[in-house]
Amino acid sequence: MQIPSMGLGTFRLKEQEVITAVSSGLELGYRHIDTAQIYDNEAEVGRALAESGVPRGEVFLTTKIWTEHLAPGRLIPSLEASLAKLQTEQADLTLIHWPAPRDEIPVAVYMEQLAEARARGLTRHIGVSNFTVRHLQAAIDAVGADAILTNQVELHPLFRNEPIVEFCRTRGIRVTAYMPLAYGKVLEEPVLQAIGAAHGVSPASVALAWLLQEGHIAIPASTRRSHLQANLDAAGLRLSEAELARVRAIATNQRLVSPDFGPAWD
């Protein structure tokens, strides 16, 4: 099963909220669910999946290893704990959520553990998240570019993250866009509003369609069924080359996610 280009993100969704979102998403046709250890909602995601009636083999399930589990001997046990919460024997994709803070642990140490997890059958694919070009190169040196399915990063029309996108493109690594709607800021963008009006859709749909037509994967999060449906429908929206160019031109390159423990960005 290939990774679906449109997924359902679960960042900041907790308890019944995430159960409802995942359940509704699966009912509407989502087959790509994204969670993480630090989200503290893996058990609820697992419950929603188990109760959905959708066969496990039809859902592409991603989780991410938190930084406290990157040291030698810690990654695989943490993934096994995540799988127990998710009520599954195997993830479809497991990512390193962030490079080790201050690079106190070499990239090779945790990438090799992640590759071992895949060899043991705990995950079908492996990848990374929030990796800079430098970290990506170290990961490639450790496990090979072919082993890295995706780099999940902040990416939306207001922030194109071009150095990372271009590096990944030349190495055959897919880019997954988290926060693809920029915390809702895309709704206020006049160019996206105008293009959306021409197609009878929201600016959010235009932003998602742009990402998909650029060849990226998008994982917007929402708790509203109507928004979940609209996001899913965006996969069917086709923008013209002129419209794609107009969207590319609006980038302000203002990053919205940059925690203290994060790397020095490109």
Protein backbone atom coordinates (compact mmCIF):
# COMPACT_ATOMS: atom_id res chain seq x y z
CA MET A 1 0.00 0.00 0.00
CA GLN A 2 1.40 3.38 -1.02
CA ILE A 3 1.10 6.39 1.24
CA PRO A 4 -2.08 8.33 0.34
CA SER A 5 -1.33 11.92 -0.60
CA MET A 6 -4.12 13.25 1.64
CA GLY A 7 -3.98 12.26 5.28
CA LEU A 8 -5.66 13.18 8.54
CA GLY A 9 -3.42 14.85 11.09
CA THR A 10 -4.14 14.54 14.81
CA PHE A 11 -1.81 17.14 16.34
CA ARG A 12 -3.42 18.81 19.39
CA LEU A 13 -6.45 16.52 19.27
CA LYS A 14 -7.11 14.75 22.56
CA GLU A 15 -9.41 12.12 24.10
CA GLN A 16 -12.93 12.02 22.60
CA GLU A 17 -12.04 14.83 20.19
CA VAL A 18 -9.46 12.70 18.38
CA ILE A 19 -11.67 9.60 18.48
CA THR A 20 -14.47 11.55 16.80
CA ALA A 21 -12.14 13.12 14.22
CA VAL A 22 -10.53 9.81 13.23
CA SER A 23 -13.86 7.96 13.20
CA SER A 24 -15.46 10.65 11.03
CA GLY A 25 -12.43 10.75 8.77
CA LEU A 26 -12.48 7.02 8.19
CA GLU A 27 -16.22 7.14 7.46
CA LEU A 28 -15.62 9.86 4.89
CA GLY A 29 -12.89 7.90 3.16
CA TYR A 30 -9.58 8.94 4.71
CA ARG A 31 -7.09 6.08 4.62
CA HIS A 32 -4.04 7.84 6.00
CA ILE A 33 -3.90 8.69 9.72
CA ASP A 34 -0.97 10.54 11.30
CA THR A 35 -0.16 10.55 15.02
CA ALA A 36 2.93 10.73 17.25
CA GLN A 37 4.15 9.67 20.67
CA ILE A 38 4.25 13.25 21.95
CA TYR A 39 0.65 13.90 20.87
CA ASP A 40 -0.46 11.62 23.71
CA ASN A 41 -3.35 10.32 21.63
CA GLU A 42 -2.07 7.05 20.17
CA ALA A 43 -4.42 5.00 22.36
CA GLU A 44 -7.43 7.00 21.20
CA VAL A 45 -6.34 6.73 17.56
CA GLY A 46 -5.96 2.99 18.04
CA ARG A 47 -9.41 2.74 19.55
CA ALA A 48 -10.99 4.70 16.69
CA LEU A 49 -9.25 2.48 14.14
CA ALA A 50 -10.29 -0.71 15.92
CA GLU A 51 -13.92 0.37 16.22
CA SER A 52 -14.21 1.76 12.70
CA GLY A 53 -14.77 -1.53 10.94
CA VAL A 54 -12.22 -0.51 8.29
CA PRO A 55 -9.73 -3.36 7.75
CA ARG A 56 -6.33 -2.50 9.20
CA GLY A 57 -4.67 -3.24 5.87
CA GLU A 58 -6.63 -0.43 4.21
CA VAL A 59 -5.32 2.31 6.52
CA PHE A 60 -1.85 3.85 6.24
CA LEU A 61 -0.87 4.59 9.84
CA THR A 62 2.02 6.87 10.80
CA THR A 63 3.53 7.53 14.20
CA LYS A 64 6.66 9.38 15.29
CA ILE A 65 9.43 8.69 17.81
CA TRP A 66 9.93 11.44 20.37
CA THR A 67 13.38 12.83 21.18
CA GLU A 68 13.65 11.16 24.60
CA HIS A 69 13.64 7.78 22.86
CA LEU A 70 16.51 8.40 20.44
CA ALA A 71 19.35 7.13 22.67
CA PRO A 72 20.79 3.65 22.09
CA GLY A 73 18.41 0.89 23.14
CA ARG A 74 15.39 3.14 23.63
CA LEU A 75 13.79 3.57 20.22
CA ILE A 76 12.52 0.05 19.59
CA PRO A 77 10.93 -0.42 23.05
CA SER A 78 9.20 2.95 22.65
CA LEU A 79 7.84 1.92 19.25
CA GLU A 80 6.59 -1.36 20.67
CA ALA A 81 4.75 0.63 23.34
CA SER A 82 3.23 2.85 20.66
CA LEU A 83 2.06 -0.16 18.67
CA ALA A 84 0.36 -1.57 21.77
CA LYS A 85 -1.52 1.70 22.21
CA LEU A 86 -2.42 1.75 18.53
CA GLN A 87 -3.68 -1.84 18.74
CA THR A 88 -1.57 -2.99 15.82
CA GLU A 89 1.48 -5.16 15.29
CA GLN A 90 3.03 -2.90 12.69
CA ALA A 91 3.02 0.78 11.77
CA ASP A 92 2.98 1.65 8.10
CA LEU A 93 5.41 4.51 8.66
CA THR A 94 7.54 5.48 11.63
CA LEU A 95 9.33 8.83 11.68
CA ILE A 96 11.99 10.42 13.83
CA HIS A 97 9.93 13.38 15.04
CA TRP A 98 12.83 15.82 15.51
CA PRO A 99 16.60 15.52 15.33
CA ALA A 100 18.16 15.07 18.75
CA PRO A 101 18.25 18.42 20.56
CA ARG A 102 21.63 20.12 20.18
CA ASP A 103 22.72 17.01 18.24
CA GLU A 104 23.65 15.36 21.52
CA ILE A 105 22.93 12.00 19.86
CA PRO A 106 24.36 11.42 16.37
CA VAL A 107 21.81 10.98 13.60
CA ALA A 108 23.26 7.58 12.71
CA VAL A 109 22.48 6.24 16.20
CA TYR A 110 18.73 6.69 15.91
CA MET A 111 18.43 6.11 12.17
CA GLU A 112 20.13 2.74 12.54
CA GLN A 113 17.73 1.84 15.36
CA LEU A 114 14.82 2.88 13.14
CA ALA A 115 16.15 0.68 10.33
CA GLU A 116 16.40 -2.19 12.81
CA ALA A 117 12.77 -1.65 13.78
CA ARG A 118 11.81 -2.00 10.15
CA ALA A 119 13.95 -5.14 9.81
CA ARG A 120 12.07 -6.62 12.78
CA GLY A 121 8.73 -5.92 11.10
CA LEU A 122 7.60 -3.23 13.54
CA THR A 123 7.13 -0.74 10.71
CA ARG A 124 6.78 -1.06 6.95
CA HIS A 125 8.50 2.21 6.12
CA ILE A 126 10.73 4.70 7.92
CA GLY A 127 11.33 8.41 7.56
CA VAL A 128 12.08 11.64 9.34
CA SER A 129 10.44 14.90 10.37
CA ASN A 130 11.80 18.41 10.85
CA PHE A 131 15.17 17.42 9.41
CA THR A 132 17.41 20.08 7.91
CA VAL A 133 19.54 19.41 4.85
CA ARG A 134 22.44 18.59 7.15
CA HIS A 135 20.41 16.11 9.16
CA LEU A 136 18.95 14.60 6.01
CA GLN A 137 22.42 14.03 4.59
CA ALA A 138 23.49 12.34 7.82
CA ALA A 139 20.38 10.14 7.68
CA ILE A 140 21.12 9.24 4.06
CA ASP A 141 24.70 8.39 5.00
CA ALA A 142 23.39 6.11 7.75
CA VAL A 143 20.61 4.19 5.99
CA GLY A 144 20.50 5.33 2.37
CA ALA A 145 18.10 7.70 0.59
CA ASP A 146 16.00 4.81 -0.68
CA ALA A 147 15.15 3.84 2.90
CA ILE A 148 13.72 7.27 3.78
CA LEU A 149 10.13 7.52 2.57
CA THR A 150 9.46 11.11 3.60
CA ASN A 151 10.59 14.18 5.50
CA GLN A 152 7.60 15.71 7.27
CA VAL A 153 8.04 19.47 7.62
CA GLU A 154 6.14 22.72 7.92
CA LEU A 155 4.98 23.56 4.42
CA HIS A 156 2.14 25.73 3.12
CA PRO A 157 1.65 28.49 0.53
CA LEU A 158 3.01 31.11 2.94
CA PHE A 159 6.15 29.10 3.71
CA ARG A 160 7.55 27.01 0.88
CA ASN A 161 10.61 25.66 2.76
CA GLU A 162 12.49 25.59 -0.54
CA PRO A 163 15.95 24.34 0.52
CA ILE A 164 14.41 21.25 2.12
CA VAL A 165 11.89 20.64 -0.66
CA GLU A 166 14.56 20.84 -3.35
CA PHE A 167 17.01 18.63 -1.47
CA CYS A 168 14.32 15.99 -0.92
CA ARG A 169 13.23 16.17 -4.55
CA THR A 170 16.74 15.51 -5.83
CA ARG A 171 17.15 12.56 -3.45
CA GLY A 172 13.80 10.93 -4.21
CA ILE A 173 12.40 11.61 -0.73
CA ARG A 174 8.72 12.63 -0.53
CA VAL A 175 7.83 15.75 1.43
CA THR A 176 4.88 15.62 3.82
CA ALA A 177 3.37 19.00 4.68
CA TYR A 178 2.25 19.46 8.25
CA MET A 179 0.31 22.59 9.17
CA PRO A 180 -0.65 22.87 5.48
CA LEU A 181 -3.21 25.57 6.31
CA ALA A 182 -0.79 27.60 8.45
CA TYR A 183 -3.04 27.63 11.51
CA GLY A 184 -5.81 29.00 9.30
CA LYS A 185 -3.75 31.92 7.98
CA VAL A 186 -4.30 30.75 4.38
CA LEU A 187 -7.99 31.63 4.78
CA GLU A 188 -7.03 35.32 4.92
CA GLU A 189 -4.82 35.28 1.81
CA PRO A 190 -6.43 37.29 -1.02
CA VAL A 191 -4.87 35.25 -3.83
CA LEU A 192 -6.18 32.01 -2.37
CA GLN A 193 -9.57 33.64 -1.79
CA ALA A 194 -9.75 34.74 -5.41
CA ILE A 195 -8.72 31.37 -6.83
CA GLY A 196 -11.14 29.63 -4.47
CA ALA A 197 -13.99 31.88 -5.56
CA ALA A 198 -13.28 31.03 -9.20
CA HIS A 199 -13.60 27.33 -8.40
CA GLY A 200 -16.39 27.60 -5.83
CA VAL A 201 -14.19 26.30 -3.01
CA SER A 202 -12.52 27.69 0.10
CA PRO A 203 -8.98 29.12 0.25
CA ALA A 204 -8.09 26.06 2.34
CA SER A 205 -9.02 23.78 -0.54
CA VAL A 206 -6.82 25.83 -2.87
CA ALA A 207 -3.86 25.57 -0.47
CA LEU A 208 -4.25 21.80 -0.22
CA ALA A 209 -4.73 21.34 -3.97
CA TRP A 210 -1.57 23.37 -4.57
CA LEU A 211 0.44 21.15 -2.23
CA LEU A 212 -0.86 17.97 -3.85
CA GLN A 213 -0.20 19.22 -7.39
CA GLU A 214 3.34 20.15 -6.31
CA GLY A 215 3.78 16.45 -5.53
CA HIS A 216 3.60 16.67 -1.75
CA ILE A 217 1.62 14.79 0.89
CA ALA A 218 -0.69 16.87 3.12
CA ILE A 219 -2.00 16.00 6.58
CA PRO A 220 -4.45 18.73 7.67
CA ALA A 221 -6.16 18.30 11.01
CA SER A 222 -9.78 19.14 11.73
CA THR A 223 -12.52 18.17 14.14
CA ARG A 224 -15.41 19.38 11.97
CA ARG A 225 -16.92 16.81 9.64
CA SER A 226 -17.61 19.45 6.99
CA HIS A 227 -13.97 20.57 7.03
CA LEU A 228 -12.77 16.96 6.92
CA GLN A 229 -14.90 16.42 3.81
CA ALA A 230 -13.76 19.65 2.17
CA ASN A 231 -10.11 18.80 2.81
CA LEU A 232 -10.58 15.37 1.29
CA ASP A 233 -12.39 16.86 -1.70
CA ALA A 234 -9.42 19.15 -2.36
CA ALA A 235 -7.65 16.16 -3.89
CA GLY A 236 -10.04 16.43 -6.83
CA LEU A 237 -9.45 20.15 -7.44
CA ARG A 238 -7.17 20.90 -10.41
CA LEU A 239 -5.49 24.28 -10.55
CA SER A 240 -4.15 25.68 -13.80
CA GLU A 241 -0.45 26.35 -14.28
CA ALA A 242 -1.18 30.06 -13.99
CA GLU A 243 -3.02 29.51 -10.70
CA LEU A 244 -0.19 27.34 -9.37
CA ALA A 245 2.25 30.11 -10.20
CA ARG A 246 0.09 32.68 -8.42
CA VAL A 247 0.09 30.53 -5.28
CA ARG A 248 3.87 30.07 -5.44
CA ALA A 249 4.31 33.84 -5.58
CA ILE A 250 2.60 34.61 -2.26
CA ALA A 251 5.17 32.97 0.04
CA THR A 252 6.41 35.17 2.87
CA ASN A 253 8.82 32.50 4.11
CA GLN A 254 7.78 33.15 7.69
CA ARG A 255 8.17 29.96 9.70
CA LEU A 256 5.45 29.32 12.28
CA VAL A 257 7.02 26.32 14.05
CA SER A 258 10.46 26.78 15.62
CA PRO A 259 10.72 25.37 19.15
CA ASP A 260 13.73 26.00 21.35
CA PHE A 261 14.93 22.42 20.97
CA GLY A 262 14.70 22.53 17.18
CA PRO A 263 17.68 22.58 14.81
CA ALA A 264 19.29 25.57 13.11
CA TRP A 265 17.06 25.83 10.04
CA ASP A 266 18.28 26.07 6.46
